[in-house]
Amino acid sequence: VIMLSSKDGIFDRARGRIVGSEQYLTKPFTKEELITAISNQVNFENTT
């Protein structure tokens, strides 16, 4: 799960992890950051 949010506090990031997010990107994020997060997630899924 990749979570996209405008909230960037430590509590918000921790809460994202608690609810199952492997990646937590905050707005604004670049296209490259999103592509990297997706690529990492796909690679992780392929190795398990």
PDB file of N, CA and C in Angstrom:
ATOM      1  N   VAL A   1       0.847  -1.170   0.000  1.00  0.00           N
ATOM      2  CA  VAL A   1       0.000   0.000   0.000  1.00  0.00           C
ATOM      3  C   VAL A   1       0.893   1.234   0.000  1.00  0.00           C
ATOM      4  N   ILE A   2       0.607   2.147  -0.887  1.00  0.00           N
ATOM      5  CA  ILE A   2       1.299   3.434  -0.938  1.00  0.00           C
ATOM      6  C   ILE A   2       0.285   4.498  -0.538  1.00  0.00           C
ATOM      7  N   MET A   3       0.578   5.226   0.527  1.00  0.00           N
ATOM      8  CA  MET A   3      -0.336   6.250   1.005  1.00  0.00           C
ATOM      9  C   MET A   3       0.151   7.611   0.533  1.00  0.00           C
ATOM     10  N   LEU A   4      -0.769   8.386  -0.041  1.00  0.00           N
ATOM     11  CA  LEU A   4      -0.483   9.748  -0.478  1.00  0.00           C
ATOM     12  C   LEU A   4      -1.280  10.681   0.424  1.00  0.00           C
ATOM     13  N   SER A   5      -0.605  11.669   1.022  1.00  0.00           N
ATOM     14  CA  SER A   5      -1.274  12.511   2.003  1.00  0.00           C
ATOM     15  C   SER A   5      -0.691  13.916   2.005  1.00  0.00           C
ATOM     16  N   SER A   6      -1.500  14.848   2.458  1.00  0.00           N
ATOM     17  CA  SER A   6      -0.991  16.205   2.658  1.00  0.00           C
ATOM     18  C   SER A   6      -0.475  16.377   4.083  1.00  0.00           C
ATOM     19  N   LYS A   7      -0.735  15.392   4.932  1.00  0.00           N
ATOM     20  CA  LYS A   7      -0.296  15.455   6.330  1.00  0.00           C
ATOM     21  C   LYS A   7       1.111  14.885   6.441  1.00  0.00           C
ATOM     22  N   ASP A   8       2.023  15.679   7.039  1.00  0.00           N
ATOM     23  CA  ASP A   8       3.420  15.256   7.058  1.00  0.00           C
ATOM     24  C   ASP A   8       4.033  15.181   8.450  1.00  0.00           C
ATOM     25  N   GLY A   9       3.207  15.166   9.463  1.00  0.00           N
ATOM     26  CA  GLY A   9       3.726  15.074  10.826  1.00  0.00           C
ATOM     27  C   GLY A   9       4.179  13.660  11.165  1.00  0.00           C
ATOM     28  N   ILE A  10       4.972  13.544  12.206  1.00  0.00           N
ATOM     29  CA  ILE A  10       5.468  12.238  12.645  1.00  0.00           C
ATOM     30  C   ILE A  10       4.305  11.328  13.012  1.00  0.00           C
ATOM     31  N   PHE A  11       3.314  11.865  13.732  1.00  0.00           N
ATOM     32  CA  PHE A  11       2.148  11.077  14.122  1.00  0.00           C
ATOM     33  C   PHE A  11       1.407  10.567  12.888  1.00  0.00           C
ATOM     34  N   ASP A  12       1.274  11.425  11.872  1.00  0.00           N
ATOM     35  CA  ASP A  12       0.570  11.035  10.647  1.00  0.00           C
ATOM     36  C   ASP A  12       1.295   9.907   9.925  1.00  0.00           C
ATOM     37  N   ARG A  13       2.611  10.003   9.839  1.00  0.00           N
ATOM     38  CA  ARG A  13       3.400   8.943   9.199  1.00  0.00           C
ATOM     39  C   ARG A  13       3.297   7.636   9.986  1.00  0.00           C
ATOM     40  N   ALA A  14       3.374   7.731  11.311  1.00  0.00           N
ATOM     41  CA  ALA A  14       3.259   6.533  12.147  1.00  0.00           C
ATOM     42  C   ALA A  14       1.881   5.901  11.980  1.00  0.00           C
ATOM     43  N   ARG A  15       0.865   6.713  11.945  1.00  0.00           N
ATOM     44  CA  ARG A  15      -0.496   6.200  11.762  1.00  0.00           C
ATOM     45  C   ARG A  15      -0.637   5.512  10.412  1.00  0.00           C
ATOM     46  N   GLY A  16      -0.012   6.060   9.395  1.00  0.00           N
ATOM     47  CA  GLY A  16      -0.023   5.423   8.082  1.00  0.00           C
ATOM     48  C   GLY A  16       0.587   4.034   8.128  1.00  0.00           C
ATOM     49  N   ARG A  17       1.679   3.891   8.855  1.00  0.00           N
ATOM     50  CA  ARG A  17       2.323   2.574   9.003  1.00  0.00           C
ATOM     51  C   ARG A  17       1.434   1.612   9.782  1.00  0.00           C
ATOM     52  N   ILE A  18       0.796   2.122  10.814  1.00  0.00           N
ATOM     53  CA  ILE A  18      -0.067   1.280  11.646  1.00  0.00           C
ATOM     54  C   ILE A  18      -1.222   0.704  10.832  1.00  0.00           C
ATOM     55  N   VAL A  19      -1.778   1.486   9.926  1.00  0.00           N
ATOM     56  CA  VAL A  19      -2.921   1.004   9.141  1.00  0.00           C
ATOM     57  C   VAL A  19      -2.497   0.188   7.924  1.00  0.00           C
ATOM     58  N   GLY A  20      -1.190  -0.031   7.744  1.00  0.00           N
ATOM     59  CA  GLY A  20      -0.738  -0.962   6.720  1.00  0.00           C
ATOM     60  C   GLY A  20      -0.005  -0.385   5.529  1.00  0.00           C
ATOM     61  N   SER A  21       0.341   0.871   5.566  1.00  0.00           N
ATOM     62  CA  SER A  21       1.049   1.497   4.456  1.00  0.00           C
ATOM     63  C   SER A  21       2.530   1.130   4.480  1.00  0.00           C
ATOM     64  N   GLU A  22       3.048   0.661   3.335  1.00  0.00           N
ATOM     65  CA  GLU A  22       4.483   0.407   3.230  1.00  0.00           C
ATOM     66  C   GLU A  22       5.226   1.678   2.825  1.00  0.00           C
ATOM     67  N   GLN A  23       4.559   2.537   2.075  1.00  0.00           N
ATOM     68  CA  GLN A  23       5.137   3.798   1.613  1.00  0.00           C
ATOM     69  C   GLN A  23       4.193   4.925   2.018  1.00  0.00           C
ATOM     70  N   TYR A  24       4.742   6.049   2.425  1.00  0.00           N
ATOM     71  CA  TYR A  24       3.947   7.208   2.827  1.00  0.00           C
ATOM     72  C   TYR A  24       4.561   8.429   2.162  1.00  0.00           C
ATOM     73  N   LEU A  25       3.904   8.942   1.135  1.00  0.00           N
ATOM     74  CA  LEU A  25       4.391  10.125   0.427  1.00  0.00           C
ATOM     75  C   LEU A  25       3.514  11.314   0.781  1.00  0.00           C
ATOM     76  N   THR A  26       4.152  12.451   1.046  1.00  0.00           N
ATOM     77  CA  THR A  26       3.389  13.650   1.368  1.00  0.00           C
ATOM     78  C   THR A  26       3.403  14.612   0.192  1.00  0.00           C
ATOM     79  N   LYS A  27       2.299  15.325   0.055  1.00  0.00           N
ATOM     80  CA  LYS A  27       2.174  16.329  -0.993  1.00  0.00           C
ATOM     81  C   LYS A  27       2.988  17.544  -0.594  1.00  0.00           C
ATOM     82  N   PRO A  28       3.601  18.232  -1.489  1.00  0.00           N
ATOM     83  CA  PRO A  28       3.736  17.851  -2.894  1.00  0.00           C
ATOM     84  C   PRO A  28       4.856  16.829  -3.059  1.00  0.00           C
ATOM     85  N   PHE A  29       4.631  15.879  -3.920  1.00  0.00           N
ATOM     86  CA  PHE A  29       5.668  14.902  -4.236  1.00  0.00           C
ATOM     87  C   PHE A  29       5.926  14.974  -5.733  1.00  0.00           C
ATOM     88  N   THR A  30       7.123  14.570  -6.119  1.00  0.00           N
ATOM     89  CA  THR A  30       7.477  14.626  -7.530  1.00  0.00           C
ATOM     90  C   THR A  30       7.035  13.352  -8.236  1.00  0.00           C
ATOM     91  N   LYS A  31       6.953  13.448  -9.528  1.00  0.00           N
ATOM     92  CA  LYS A  31       6.616  12.282 -10.340  1.00  0.00           C
ATOM     93  C   LYS A  31       7.650  11.179 -10.119  1.00  0.00           C
ATOM     94  N   GLU A  32       8.904  11.564  -9.986  1.00  0.00           N
ATOM     95  CA  GLU A  32       9.976  10.595  -9.779  1.00  0.00           C
ATOM     96  C   GLU A  32       9.819   9.858  -8.448  1.00  0.00           C
ATOM     97  N   GLU A  33       9.419  10.584  -7.404  1.00  0.00           N
ATOM     98  CA  GLU A  33       9.195   9.937  -6.106  1.00  0.00           C
ATOM     99  C   GLU A  33       8.078   8.901  -6.199  1.00  0.00           C
ATOM    100  N   LEU A  34       7.004   9.250  -6.880  1.00  0.00           N
ATOM    101  CA  LEU A  34       5.880   8.326  -7.023  1.00  0.00           C
ATOM    102  C   LEU A  34       6.273   7.107  -7.846  1.00  0.00           C
ATOM    103  N   ILE A  35       6.973   7.324  -8.939  1.00  0.00           N
ATOM    104  CA  ILE A  35       7.416   6.209  -9.782  1.00  0.00           C
ATOM    105  C   ILE A  35       8.354   5.294  -8.999  1.00  0.00           C
ATOM    106  N   THR A  36       9.260   5.869  -8.217  1.00  0.00           N
ATOM    107  CA  THR A  36      10.173   5.064  -7.402  1.00  0.00           C
ATOM    108  C   THR A  36       9.408   4.253  -6.369  1.00  0.00           C
ATOM    109  N   ALA A  37       8.440   4.859  -5.718  1.00  0.00           N
ATOM    110  CA  ALA A  37       7.642   4.147  -4.714  1.00  0.00           C
ATOM    111  C   ALA A  37       6.883   2.986  -5.349  1.00  0.00           C
ATOM    112  N   ILE A  38       6.292   3.221  -6.511  1.00  0.00           N
ATOM    113  CA  ILE A  38       5.557   2.160  -7.211  1.00  0.00           C
ATOM    114  C   ILE A  38       6.510   1.055  -7.636  1.00  0.00           C
ATOM    115  N   SER A  39       7.649   1.427  -8.190  1.00  0.00           N
ATOM    116  CA  SER A  39       8.638   0.443  -8.628  1.00  0.00           C
ATOM    117  C   SER A  39       9.130  -0.405  -7.459  1.00  0.00           C
ATOM    118  N   ASN A  40       9.422   0.235  -6.336  1.00  0.00           N
ATOM    119  CA  ASN A  40       9.866  -0.501  -5.149  1.00  0.00           C
ATOM    120  C   ASN A  40       8.792  -1.460  -4.668  1.00  0.00           C
ATOM    121  N   GLN A  41       7.552  -1.027  -4.709  1.00  0.00           N
ATOM    122  CA  GLN A  41       6.454  -1.883  -4.258  1.00  0.00           C
ATOM    123  C   GLN A  41       6.289  -3.090  -5.177  1.00  0.00           C
ATOM    124  N   VAL A  42       6.371  -2.866  -6.481  1.00  0.00           N
ATOM    125  CA  VAL A  42       6.253  -3.965  -7.445  1.00  0.00           C
ATOM    126  C   VAL A  42       7.407  -4.944  -7.259  1.00  0.00           C
ATOM    127  N   ASN A  43       8.619  -4.429  -7.109  1.00  0.00           N
ATOM    128  CA  ASN A  43       9.779  -5.299  -6.896  1.00  0.00           C
ATOM    129  C   ASN A  43       9.652  -6.089  -5.607  1.00  0.00           C
ATOM    130  N   PHE A  44       9.149  -5.468  -4.553  1.00  0.00           N
ATOM    131  CA  PHE A  44       8.960  -6.156  -3.280  1.00  0.00           C
ATOM    132  C   PHE A  44       7.928  -7.273  -3.432  1.00  0.00           C
ATOM    133  N   GLU A  45       6.838  -6.987  -4.124  1.00  0.00           N
ATOM    134  CA  GLU A  45       5.784  -7.989  -4.322  1.00  0.00           C
ATOM    135  C   GLU A  45       6.303  -9.166  -5.142  1.00  0.00           C
ATOM    136  N   ASN A  46       7.180  -8.906  -6.096  1.00  0.00           N
ATOM    137  CA  ASN A  46       7.711  -9.973  -6.946  1.00  0.00           C
ATOM    138  C   ASN A  46       8.711 -10.863  -6.214  1.00  0.00           C
ATOM    139  N   THR A  47       9.295 -10.379  -5.124  1.00  0.00           N
ATOM    140  CA  THR A  47      10.277 -11.183  -4.396  1.00  0.00           C
ATOM    141  C   THR A  47       9.652 -12.011  -3.283  1.00  0.00           C
ATOM    142  N   THR A  48       8.382 -11.779  -3.002  1.00  0.00           N
ATOM    143  CA  THR A  48       7.732 -12.551  -1.934  1.00  0.00           C
ATOM    144  C   THR A  48       6.826 -13.608  -2.485  1.00  0.00           C
TER     145      THR A  48
END
